[in-house]
Amino acid sequence: MELIHQSLKINFFKIENILKLSKVSDLKLKPLRKIESNSNLFDLNNFVKNKKDNQDNYLFLTKSGRWDGFIQENILKSVSVKKWDRTFVEDFKQSINKFPSINCSAQLWRVIEKIETSNEGIILVINPAGIPLGIVDRNRIGYFVFNKLGLKLPSNIINKFNNKDKYPLGIELPRIIKLMRKKGEIE
């Protein structure tokens, strides 16, 4: 029993170090789904039909190769199909600054705190110049921590837990961060 208790203590210590020493830039980010601002809703509908991740509800807009904002794909429901050919995604554009984001150089524990306060459980990762790099979610963080601990999960387990908007295998990273803060290990 004492051996199990010591093992849990060691792993908890390792997780704390991973959260404190790792940066957001260490994570494998989910690529941004992007569409040109001047695309009409038929183009958007075709794009949405081909998506692989059901929780991926945002598209980032580009205009002449520059990031121009974001939209939610549910705008398709707000416009009659008869008007799709003359309605453009830029008509629904939101400023990219409104999307919850974090700098790629931030510590891993900070992105977890930010995800926990977001509505969607995803955060946009930006570089120091403010340019979007990708998306991070609970799954990506959880698997990163498991990999750092040396736990290589089989693909069937990963597939079972993906798209659940939860940390895999019930790992309670937000709770660990609260304990770290309580102990004064983080600010």
N, C-alpha and C. Protein backbone atom coordinates (compact mmCIF):
# COMPACT_ATOMS: atom_id res chain seq x y z
N MET A 1 0.83 -1.19 0.00
CA MET A 1 0.00 0.00 0.00
C MET A 1 0.88 1.26 0.00
N GLU A 2 1.92 1.24 0.80
CA GLU A 2 2.84 2.38 0.88
C GLU A 2 3.52 2.60 -0.47
N LEU A 3 3.86 1.52 -1.15
CA LEU A 3 4.49 1.61 -2.46
C LEU A 3 3.57 2.29 -3.47
N ILE A 4 2.28 1.95 -3.46
CA ILE A 4 1.30 2.58 -4.35
C ILE A 4 1.19 4.07 -4.03
N HIS A 5 1.15 4.41 -2.75
CA HIS A 5 1.06 5.81 -2.33
C HIS A 5 2.28 6.60 -2.82
N GLN A 6 3.47 6.02 -2.71
CA GLN A 6 4.68 6.69 -3.18
C GLN A 6 4.66 6.86 -4.70
N SER A 7 4.17 5.85 -5.42
CA SER A 7 4.09 5.92 -6.87
C SER A 7 3.15 7.05 -7.30
N LEU A 8 2.01 7.18 -6.63
CA LEU A 8 1.08 8.26 -6.94
C LEU A 8 1.71 9.62 -6.67
N LYS A 9 2.46 9.72 -5.58
CA LYS A 9 3.13 10.96 -5.23
C LYS A 9 4.16 11.35 -6.30
N ILE A 10 4.91 10.37 -6.77
CA ILE A 10 5.93 10.62 -7.79
C ILE A 10 5.27 11.09 -9.08
N ASN A 11 4.19 10.41 -9.51
CA ASN A 11 3.50 10.81 -10.74
C ASN A 11 2.87 12.18 -10.60
N PHE A 12 2.32 12.49 -9.43
CA PHE A 12 1.74 13.81 -9.19
C PHE A 12 2.83 14.87 -9.33
N PHE A 13 4.00 14.60 -8.74
CA PHE A 13 5.13 15.52 -8.85
C PHE A 13 5.55 15.69 -10.31
N LYS A 14 5.57 14.58 -11.07
CA LYS A 14 5.93 14.66 -12.49
C LYS A 14 4.92 15.50 -13.27
N ILE A 15 3.64 15.31 -12.98
CA ILE A 15 2.60 16.09 -13.67
C ILE A 15 2.75 17.57 -13.34
N GLU A 16 2.99 17.88 -12.08
CA GLU A 16 3.21 19.28 -11.71
C GLU A 16 4.37 19.88 -12.51
N ASN A 17 5.46 19.15 -12.62
CA ASN A 17 6.62 19.65 -13.38
C ASN A 17 6.29 19.81 -14.86
N ILE A 18 5.54 18.88 -15.42
CA ILE A 18 5.15 19.00 -16.83
C ILE A 18 4.33 20.27 -17.02
N LEU A 19 3.39 20.52 -16.13
CA LEU A 19 2.53 21.69 -16.25
C LEU A 19 3.30 23.00 -16.07
N LYS A 20 4.30 22.98 -15.20
CA LYS A 20 5.08 24.20 -14.94
C LYS A 20 6.16 24.44 -16.00
N LEU A 21 6.79 23.38 -16.47
CA LEU A 21 7.95 23.54 -17.35
C LEU A 21 7.62 23.49 -18.84
N SER A 22 6.49 22.92 -19.20
CA SER A 22 6.12 22.83 -20.62
C SER A 22 5.43 24.12 -21.06
N LYS A 23 5.59 24.41 -22.32
CA LYS A 23 4.98 25.60 -22.93
C LYS A 23 3.89 25.14 -23.90
N VAL A 24 3.01 26.05 -24.22
CA VAL A 24 1.96 25.77 -25.19
C VAL A 24 2.58 25.37 -26.52
N SER A 25 3.71 25.96 -26.85
CA SER A 25 4.39 25.66 -28.13
C SER A 25 4.87 24.21 -28.20
N ASP A 26 4.94 23.50 -27.08
CA ASP A 26 5.35 22.10 -27.07
C ASP A 26 4.23 21.17 -27.56
N LEU A 27 3.00 21.65 -27.55
CA LEU A 27 1.85 20.84 -27.94
C LEU A 27 1.74 20.73 -29.45
N LYS A 28 1.15 19.64 -29.90
CA LYS A 28 0.80 19.49 -31.31
C LYS A 28 -0.57 20.14 -31.47
N LEU A 29 -0.61 21.27 -32.16
CA LEU A 29 -1.84 22.04 -32.29
C LEU A 29 -2.74 21.48 -33.38
N LYS A 30 -4.03 21.68 -33.19
CA LYS A 30 -5.00 21.32 -34.23
C LYS A 30 -4.96 22.43 -35.27
N PRO A 31 -4.80 22.08 -36.54
CA PRO A 31 -4.75 23.12 -37.58
C PRO A 31 -6.06 23.90 -37.65
N LEU A 32 -5.95 25.15 -38.04
CA LEU A 32 -7.13 25.99 -38.19
C LEU A 32 -7.85 25.65 -39.48
N ARG A 33 -9.16 25.58 -39.40
CA ARG A 33 -9.95 25.43 -40.62
C ARG A 33 -10.16 26.84 -41.15
N LYS A 34 -9.79 27.09 -42.39
CA LYS A 34 -9.90 28.45 -42.91
C LYS A 34 -10.66 28.48 -44.22
N ILE A 35 -11.28 29.63 -44.45
CA ILE A 35 -12.06 29.86 -45.65
C ILE A 35 -11.90 31.33 -46.02
N GLU A 36 -11.94 31.62 -47.30
CA GLU A 36 -11.81 33.00 -47.77
C GLU A 36 -13.05 33.81 -47.37
N SER A 37 -12.84 35.04 -46.98
CA SER A 37 -13.92 35.92 -46.54
C SER A 37 -14.99 36.11 -47.60
N ASN A 38 -14.58 36.11 -48.87
CA ASN A 38 -15.55 36.38 -49.94
C ASN A 38 -16.26 35.12 -50.43
N SER A 39 -16.14 34.01 -49.70
CA SER A 39 -16.85 32.78 -50.05
C SER A 39 -18.32 32.94 -49.71
N ASN A 40 -19.19 32.33 -50.53
CA ASN A 40 -20.61 32.40 -50.21
C ASN A 40 -21.00 31.21 -49.32
N LEU A 41 -22.25 31.18 -48.91
CA LEU A 41 -22.67 30.13 -47.98
C LEU A 41 -22.74 28.75 -48.63
N PHE A 42 -22.88 28.68 -49.96
CA PHE A 42 -22.78 27.37 -50.62
C PHE A 42 -21.37 26.81 -50.44
N ASP A 43 -20.36 27.68 -50.62
CA ASP A 43 -18.97 27.24 -50.41
C ASP A 43 -18.77 26.78 -48.97
N LEU A 44 -19.32 27.54 -48.04
CA LEU A 44 -19.21 27.19 -46.63
C LEU A 44 -19.87 25.84 -46.36
N ASN A 45 -21.06 25.63 -46.90
CA ASN A 45 -21.77 24.37 -46.71
C ASN A 45 -20.96 23.18 -47.23
N ASN A 46 -20.36 23.33 -48.41
CA ASN A 46 -19.53 22.26 -48.96
C ASN A 46 -18.33 21.99 -48.07
N PHE A 47 -17.75 23.05 -47.52
CA PHE A 47 -16.61 22.92 -46.63
C PHE A 47 -17.01 22.18 -45.35
N VAL A 48 -18.15 22.55 -44.79
CA VAL A 48 -18.61 21.96 -43.53
C VAL A 48 -18.96 20.48 -43.71
N LYS A 49 -19.50 20.11 -44.85
CA LYS A 49 -19.88 18.71 -45.09
C LYS A 49 -18.67 17.77 -45.02
N ASN A 50 -17.49 18.29 -45.31
CA ASN A 50 -16.29 17.47 -45.36
C ASN A 50 -15.48 17.46 -44.07
N LYS A 51 -16.00 18.04 -43.01
CA LYS A 51 -15.22 18.10 -41.77
C LYS A 51 -15.18 16.75 -41.08
N LYS A 52 -14.11 16.54 -40.33
CA LYS A 52 -13.90 15.26 -39.67
C LYS A 52 -14.24 15.30 -38.18
N ASP A 53 -14.17 16.47 -37.57
CA ASP A 53 -14.35 16.61 -36.13
C ASP A 53 -15.68 17.34 -35.87
N ASN A 54 -16.63 16.65 -35.26
CA ASN A 54 -17.95 17.24 -35.01
C ASN A 54 -17.92 18.41 -34.03
N GLN A 55 -16.88 18.50 -33.22
CA GLN A 55 -16.81 19.61 -32.27
C GLN A 55 -16.12 20.84 -32.87
N ASP A 56 -15.65 20.72 -34.06
CA ASP A 56 -14.95 21.81 -34.72
C ASP A 56 -15.99 22.72 -35.39
N ASN A 57 -16.48 23.72 -34.68
CA ASN A 57 -17.58 24.56 -35.17
C ASN A 57 -17.15 25.93 -35.66
N TYR A 58 -15.86 26.19 -35.68
CA TYR A 58 -15.36 27.51 -36.08
C TYR A 58 -14.53 27.42 -37.34
N LEU A 59 -14.62 28.47 -38.13
CA LEU A 59 -13.76 28.62 -39.30
C LEU A 59 -13.11 29.99 -39.21
N PHE A 60 -11.87 30.04 -39.59
CA PHE A 60 -11.12 31.29 -39.54
C PHE A 60 -11.04 31.85 -40.96
N LEU A 61 -11.30 33.13 -41.06
CA LEU A 61 -11.39 33.78 -42.36
C LEU A 61 -10.06 34.37 -42.78
N THR A 62 -9.78 34.25 -44.06
CA THR A 62 -8.60 34.90 -44.64
C THR A 62 -9.07 35.81 -45.76
N LYS A 63 -8.31 36.86 -45.96
CA LYS A 63 -8.58 37.81 -47.04
C LYS A 63 -7.23 38.20 -47.61
N SER A 64 -7.01 37.83 -48.86
CA SER A 64 -5.73 38.09 -49.52
C SER A 64 -4.56 37.53 -48.72
N GLY A 65 -4.74 36.34 -48.15
CA GLY A 65 -3.67 35.68 -47.41
C GLY A 65 -3.49 36.13 -45.98
N ARG A 66 -4.29 37.07 -45.51
CA ARG A 66 -4.18 37.56 -44.12
C ARG A 66 -5.38 37.09 -43.31
N TRP A 67 -5.16 36.85 -42.03
CA TRP A 67 -6.24 36.45 -41.14
C TRP A 67 -7.21 37.63 -41.01
N ASP A 68 -8.51 37.33 -41.15
CA ASP A 68 -9.49 38.41 -41.21
C ASP A 68 -10.59 38.27 -40.17
N GLY A 69 -10.61 37.22 -39.37
CA GLY A 69 -11.65 37.02 -38.37
C GLY A 69 -12.04 35.57 -38.28
N PHE A 70 -13.21 35.32 -37.72
CA PHE A 70 -13.71 33.95 -37.62
C PHE A 70 -15.23 33.96 -37.69
N ILE A 71 -15.78 32.80 -37.98
CA ILE A 71 -17.23 32.61 -37.99
C ILE A 71 -17.55 31.27 -37.33
N GLN A 72 -18.80 31.11 -36.96
CA GLN A 72 -19.29 29.82 -36.51
C GLN A 72 -20.05 29.21 -37.68
N GLU A 73 -19.92 27.93 -37.86
CA GLU A 73 -20.56 27.31 -39.01
C GLU A 73 -22.08 27.26 -38.89
N ASN A 74 -22.61 27.51 -37.71
CA ASN A 74 -24.07 27.48 -37.54
C ASN A 74 -24.77 28.66 -38.22
N ILE A 75 -24.00 29.57 -38.82
CA ILE A 75 -24.63 30.67 -39.56
C ILE A 75 -25.44 30.13 -40.74
N LEU A 76 -25.12 28.94 -41.19
CA LEU A 76 -25.87 28.33 -42.30
C LEU A 76 -27.35 28.20 -41.94
N LYS A 77 -27.64 27.95 -40.68
CA LYS A 77 -29.02 27.77 -40.24
C LYS A 77 -29.79 29.09 -40.20
N SER A 78 -29.08 30.20 -40.17
CA SER A 78 -29.75 31.49 -40.03
C SER A 78 -30.14 32.14 -41.36
N VAL A 79 -29.75 31.53 -42.47
CA VAL A 79 -30.03 32.09 -43.79
C VAL A 79 -30.72 31.04 -44.64
N SER A 80 -31.78 31.46 -45.32
CA SER A 80 -32.50 30.57 -46.23
C SER A 80 -31.56 30.07 -47.32
N VAL A 81 -31.68 28.78 -47.67
CA VAL A 81 -30.84 28.19 -48.71
C VAL A 81 -30.96 28.97 -50.02
N LYS A 82 -32.11 29.55 -50.27
CA LYS A 82 -32.33 30.33 -51.50
C LYS A 82 -31.39 31.53 -51.59
N LYS A 83 -30.90 32.00 -50.45
CA LYS A 83 -30.04 33.19 -50.42
C LYS A 83 -28.55 32.85 -50.28
N TRP A 84 -28.21 31.57 -50.21
CA TRP A 84 -26.83 31.18 -49.97
C TRP A 84 -25.88 31.67 -51.05
N ASP A 85 -26.31 31.70 -52.30
CA ASP A 85 -25.39 32.09 -53.38
C ASP A 85 -25.03 33.58 -53.33
N ARG A 86 -25.83 34.40 -52.67
CA ARG A 86 -25.53 35.84 -52.61
C ARG A 86 -25.30 36.33 -51.17
N THR A 87 -25.08 35.39 -50.27
CA THR A 87 -24.73 35.73 -48.89
C THR A 87 -23.31 35.24 -48.64
N PHE A 88 -22.48 36.10 -48.10
CA PHE A 88 -21.06 35.80 -47.95
C PHE A 88 -20.69 35.62 -46.48
N VAL A 89 -19.68 34.79 -46.26
CA VAL A 89 -19.26 34.50 -44.88
C VAL A 89 -18.78 35.77 -44.17
N GLU A 90 -18.20 36.70 -44.90
CA GLU A 90 -17.70 37.92 -44.27
C GLU A 90 -18.83 38.75 -43.66
N ASP A 91 -20.07 38.51 -44.09
CA ASP A 91 -21.22 39.21 -43.51
C ASP A 91 -21.43 38.81 -42.04
N PHE A 92 -20.86 37.69 -41.64
CA PHE A 92 -21.02 37.17 -40.28
C PHE A 92 -19.72 37.19 -39.49
N LYS A 93 -18.73 37.84 -40.04
CA LYS A 93 -17.38 37.86 -39.47
C LYS A 93 -17.36 38.47 -38.07
N GLN A 94 -16.61 37.80 -37.20
CA GLN A 94 -16.32 38.34 -35.87
C GLN A 94 -14.82 38.60 -35.80
N SER A 95 -14.45 39.58 -35.04
CA SER A 95 -13.03 39.90 -34.90
C SER A 95 -12.29 38.74 -34.27
N ILE A 96 -11.13 38.45 -34.81
CA ILE A 96 -10.32 37.35 -34.29
C ILE A 96 -9.89 37.63 -32.84
N ASN A 97 -9.89 38.90 -32.45
CA ASN A 97 -9.54 39.28 -31.08
C ASN A 97 -10.59 38.83 -30.07
N LYS A 98 -11.80 38.51 -30.55
CA LYS A 98 -12.86 38.04 -29.64
C LYS A 98 -12.73 36.56 -29.32
N PHE A 99 -11.91 35.84 -30.09
CA PHE A 99 -11.74 34.41 -29.86
C PHE A 99 -10.76 34.23 -28.69
N PRO A 100 -11.08 33.38 -27.70
CA PRO A 100 -10.15 33.17 -26.59
C PRO A 100 -8.80 32.67 -27.11
N SER A 101 -7.74 33.35 -26.71
CA SER A 101 -6.43 32.99 -27.23
C SER A 101 -5.36 33.05 -26.14
N ILE A 102 -4.23 32.45 -26.47
CA ILE A 102 -3.09 32.46 -25.56
C ILE A 102 -1.82 32.45 -26.40
N ASN A 103 -0.79 33.07 -25.89
CA ASN A 103 0.49 33.12 -26.58
C ASN A 103 1.17 31.76 -26.52
N CYS A 104 1.84 31.39 -27.59
CA CYS A 104 2.48 30.07 -27.68
C CYS A 104 3.58 29.88 -26.65
N SER A 105 4.09 30.96 -26.08
CA SER A 105 5.16 30.84 -25.09
C SER A 105 4.64 30.70 -23.65
N ALA A 106 3.32 30.68 -23.48
CA ALA A 106 2.73 30.56 -22.14
C ALA A 106 2.97 29.16 -21.58
N GLN A 107 3.02 29.08 -20.27
CA GLN A 107 3.18 27.79 -19.60
C GLN A 107 1.90 26.97 -19.76
N LEU A 108 2.06 25.66 -19.77
CA LEU A 108 0.95 24.76 -20.01
C LEU A 108 -0.18 24.94 -19.00
N TRP A 109 0.14 25.16 -17.75
CA TRP A 109 -0.90 25.31 -16.73
C TRP A 109 -1.78 26.53 -17.02
N ARG A 110 -1.22 27.54 -17.64
CA ARG A 110 -2.01 28.75 -17.95
C ARG A 110 -3.05 28.48 -19.03
N VAL A 111 -2.72 27.68 -20.02
CA VAL A 111 -3.70 27.37 -21.06
C VAL A 111 -4.82 26.50 -20.50
N ILE A 112 -4.50 25.63 -19.55
CA ILE A 112 -5.54 24.81 -18.93
C ILE A 112 -6.52 25.71 -18.18
N GLU A 113 -6.01 26.67 -17.43
CA GLU A 113 -6.89 27.60 -16.73
C GLU A 113 -7.76 28.37 -17.72
N LYS A 114 -7.18 28.78 -18.82
CA LYS A 114 -7.93 29.54 -19.82
C LYS A 114 -9.00 28.67 -20.49
N ILE A 115 -8.68 27.43 -20.78
CA ILE A 115 -9.66 26.52 -21.38
C ILE A 115 -10.84 26.33 -20.43
N GLU A 116 -10.56 26.22 -19.15
CA GLU A 116 -11.62 25.99 -18.18
C GLU A 116 -12.56 27.19 -18.04
N THR A 117 -12.13 28.36 -18.44
CA THR A 117 -13.00 29.54 -18.39
C THR A 117 -13.65 29.85 -19.74
N SER A 118 -13.30 29.08 -20.76
CA SER A 118 -13.87 29.32 -22.09
C SER A 118 -15.20 28.59 -22.23
N ASN A 119 -16.01 29.07 -23.14
CA ASN A 119 -17.32 28.44 -23.38
C ASN A 119 -17.19 27.13 -24.15
N GLU A 120 -16.27 27.07 -25.09
CA GLU A 120 -16.18 25.94 -26.00
C GLU A 120 -15.13 24.90 -25.61
N GLY A 121 -14.24 25.22 -24.68
CA GLY A 121 -13.19 24.28 -24.32
C GLY A 121 -12.06 24.22 -25.33
N ILE A 122 -11.92 25.28 -26.12
CA ILE A 122 -10.82 25.39 -27.08
C ILE A 122 -10.22 26.78 -26.98
N ILE A 123 -8.94 26.85 -27.30
CA ILE A 123 -8.22 28.12 -27.24
C ILE A 123 -7.40 28.26 -28.52
N LEU A 124 -7.39 29.47 -29.06
CA LEU A 124 -6.57 29.80 -30.21
C LEU A 124 -5.16 30.11 -29.72
N VAL A 125 -4.18 29.49 -30.32
CA VAL A 125 -2.78 29.74 -29.95
C VAL A 125 -2.21 30.71 -30.98
N ILE A 126 -1.60 31.79 -30.46
CA ILE A 126 -1.03 32.81 -31.34
C ILE A 126 0.47 32.94 -31.08
N ASN A 127 1.19 33.42 -32.08
CA ASN A 127 2.62 33.65 -31.88
C ASN A 127 2.81 35.05 -31.29
N PRO A 128 4.04 35.44 -30.93
CA PRO A 128 4.26 36.74 -30.31
C PRO A 128 3.80 37.93 -31.16
N ALA A 129 3.70 37.74 -32.47
CA ALA A 129 3.22 38.82 -33.35
C ALA A 129 1.70 38.84 -33.45
N GLY A 130 1.02 37.91 -32.75
CA GLY A 130 -0.43 37.86 -32.78
C GLY A 130 -1.02 37.07 -33.93
N ILE A 131 -0.19 36.32 -34.63
CA ILE A 131 -0.65 35.53 -35.77
C ILE A 131 -1.11 34.15 -35.28
N PRO A 132 -2.32 33.74 -35.66
CA PRO A 132 -2.84 32.44 -35.22
C PRO A 132 -2.00 31.27 -35.74
N LEU A 133 -1.78 30.30 -34.85
CA LEU A 133 -0.99 29.11 -35.19
C LEU A 133 -1.83 27.85 -35.23
N GLY A 134 -2.85 27.77 -34.38
CA GLY A 134 -3.67 26.57 -34.30
C GLY A 134 -4.55 26.61 -33.07
N ILE A 135 -5.22 25.50 -32.84
CA ILE A 135 -6.17 25.38 -31.73
C ILE A 135 -5.65 24.32 -30.76
N VAL A 136 -5.90 24.54 -29.48
CA VAL A 136 -5.59 23.54 -28.47
C VAL A 136 -6.87 23.25 -27.69
N ASP A 137 -7.05 21.98 -27.32
CA ASP A 137 -8.23 21.57 -26.56
C ASP A 137 -7.80 20.63 -25.43
N ARG A 138 -8.76 20.19 -24.65
CA ARG A 138 -8.47 19.33 -23.50
C ARG A 138 -7.81 18.01 -23.92
N ASN A 139 -8.28 17.42 -25.02
CA ASN A 139 -7.71 16.16 -25.49
C ASN A 139 -6.22 16.29 -25.77
N ARG A 140 -5.85 17.31 -26.51
CA ARG A 140 -4.45 17.48 -26.89
C ARG A 140 -3.56 17.69 -25.67
N ILE A 141 -4.05 18.43 -24.71
CA ILE A 141 -3.27 18.65 -23.49
C ILE A 141 -3.13 17.34 -22.72
N GLY A 142 -4.23 16.63 -22.56
CA GLY A 142 -4.20 15.36 -21.80
C GLY A 142 -3.25 14.35 -22.40
N TYR A 143 -3.31 14.15 -23.72
CA TYR A 143 -2.42 13.19 -24.36
C TYR A 143 -0.97 13.64 -24.31
N PHE A 144 -0.75 14.94 -24.36
CA PHE A 144 0.61 15.46 -24.22
C PHE A 144 1.17 15.09 -22.84
N VAL A 145 0.38 15.29 -21.80
CA VAL A 145 0.82 14.96 -20.43
C VAL A 145 1.09 13.46 -20.32
N PHE A 146 0.19 12.63 -20.84
CA PHE A 146 0.41 11.18 -20.80
C PHE A 146 1.69 10.79 -21.52
N ASN A 147 1.92 11.38 -22.69
CA ASN A 147 3.16 11.08 -23.43
C ASN A 147 4.39 11.49 -22.64
N LYS A 148 4.34 12.64 -21.98
CA LYS A 148 5.47 13.10 -21.17
C LYS A 148 5.71 12.16 -19.98
N LEU A 149 4.64 11.53 -19.49
CA LEU A 149 4.77 10.57 -18.40
C LEU A 149 5.26 9.21 -18.90
N GLY A 150 5.35 9.06 -20.22
CA GLY A 150 5.80 7.80 -20.79
C GLY A 150 4.67 6.82 -21.06
N LEU A 151 3.43 7.29 -21.01
CA LEU A 151 2.28 6.42 -21.25
C LEU A 151 1.82 6.60 -22.70
N LYS A 152 2.09 5.60 -23.51
CA LYS A 152 1.66 5.61 -24.91
C LYS A 152 0.34 4.87 -24.98
N LEU A 153 -0.74 5.62 -25.16
CA LEU A 153 -2.06 5.00 -25.19
C LEU A 153 -2.36 4.41 -26.57
N PRO A 154 -2.99 3.24 -26.60
CA PRO A 154 -3.36 2.63 -27.88
C PRO A 154 -4.37 3.50 -28.63
N SER A 155 -4.33 3.41 -29.94
CA SER A 155 -5.19 4.27 -30.77
C SER A 155 -6.67 4.02 -30.53
N ASN A 156 -7.06 2.79 -30.17
CA ASN A 156 -8.48 2.54 -29.92
C ASN A 156 -8.97 3.29 -28.68
N ILE A 157 -8.12 3.46 -27.68
CA ILE A 157 -8.49 4.25 -26.49
C ILE A 157 -8.52 5.73 -26.86
N ILE A 158 -7.55 6.19 -27.62
CA ILE A 158 -7.52 7.59 -28.04
C ILE A 158 -8.76 7.92 -28.85
N ASN A 159 -9.13 7.05 -29.78
CA ASN A 159 -10.32 7.30 -30.60
C ASN A 159 -11.60 7.30 -29.77
N LYS A 160 -11.63 6.50 -28.72
CA LYS A 160 -12.81 6.44 -27.87
C LYS A 160 -13.03 7.75 -27.11
N PHE A 161 -11.95 8.41 -26.72
CA PHE A 161 -12.07 9.61 -25.90
C PHE A 161 -11.99 10.91 -26.69
N ASN A 162 -11.51 10.86 -27.92
CA ASN A 162 -11.45 12.07 -28.73
C ASN A 162 -12.84 12.64 -28.94
N ASN A 163 -12.91 13.94 -29.08
CA ASN A 163 -14.16 14.66 -29.35
C ASN A 163 -15.14 14.61 -28.19
N LYS A 164 -14.68 14.38 -27.00
CA LYS A 164 -15.56 14.35 -25.84
C LYS A 164 -15.46 15.63 -25.03
N ASP A 165 -14.58 16.54 -25.41
CA ASP A 165 -14.36 17.80 -24.70
C ASP A 165 -14.04 17.57 -23.22
N LYS A 166 -13.27 16.51 -22.96
CA LYS A 166 -12.84 16.20 -21.60
C LYS A 166 -11.37 15.79 -21.65
N TYR A 167 -10.72 15.87 -20.51
CA TYR A 167 -9.36 15.36 -20.45
C TYR A 167 -9.43 13.84 -20.50
N PRO A 168 -8.56 13.20 -21.27
CA PRO A 168 -8.65 11.75 -21.43
C PRO A 168 -8.43 10.99 -20.12
N LEU A 169 -9.13 9.88 -20.01
CA LEU A 169 -9.05 8.96 -18.87
C LEU A 169 -9.29 9.64 -17.53
N GLY A 170 -10.02 10.74 -17.55
CA GLY A 170 -10.41 11.41 -16.31
C GLY A 170 -9.28 12.13 -15.59
N ILE A 171 -8.16 12.38 -16.26
CA ILE A 171 -7.07 13.09 -15.61
C ILE A 171 -7.56 14.49 -15.23
N GLU A 172 -7.42 14.85 -13.98
CA GLU A 172 -8.00 16.09 -13.46
C GLU A 172 -6.94 17.20 -13.39
N LEU A 173 -6.53 17.66 -14.54
CA LEU A 173 -5.50 18.70 -14.59
C LEU A 173 -5.93 20.00 -13.92
N PRO A 174 -7.17 20.47 -14.09
CA PRO A 174 -7.56 21.71 -13.39
C PRO A 174 -7.46 21.57 -11.86
N ARG A 175 -7.80 20.41 -11.36
CA ARG A 175 -7.70 20.17 -9.91
C ARG A 175 -6.24 20.19 -9.45
N ILE A 176 -5.37 19.62 -10.26
CA ILE A 176 -3.94 19.62 -9.94
C ILE A 176 -3.42 21.06 -9.90
N ILE A 177 -3.87 21.88 -10.85
CA ILE A 177 -3.44 23.29 -10.88
C ILE A 177 -3.93 24.02 -9.64
N LYS A 178 -5.16 23.75 -9.21
CA LYS A 178 -5.68 24.38 -7.98
C LYS A 178 -4.82 24.01 -6.78
N LEU A 179 -4.42 22.74 -6.72
CA LEU A 179 -3.55 22.31 -5.61
C LEU A 179 -2.18 22.98 -5.69
N MET A 180 -1.65 23.12 -6.90
CA MET A 180 -0.36 23.79 -7.09
C MET A 180 -0.46 25.25 -6.62
N ARG A 181 -1.55 25.90 -6.97
CA ARG A 181 -1.75 27.30 -6.57
C ARG A 181 -1.89 27.40 -5.05
N LYS A 182 -2.63 26.46 -4.47
CA LYS A 182 -2.82 26.44 -3.01
C LYS A 182 -1.50 26.27 -2.28
N LYS A 183 -0.61 25.43 -2.85
CA LYS A 183 0.70 25.20 -2.23
C LYS A 183 1.68 26.35 -2.54
N GLY A 184 1.26 27.30 -3.36
CA GLY A 184 2.12 28.44 -3.68
C GLY A 184 3.17 28.15 -4.74
N GLU A 185 2.99 27.08 -5.52
CA GLU A 185 3.97 26.71 -6.54
C GLU A 185 3.82 27.52 -7.82
N ILE A 186 2.63 28.10 -8.01
CA ILE A 186 2.39 28.97 -9.16
C ILE A 186 1.70 30.22 -8.67
N GLU A 187 1.79 31.25 -9.44
CA GLU A 187 1.21 32.53 -9.02
C GLU A 187 -0.26 32.63 -9.30
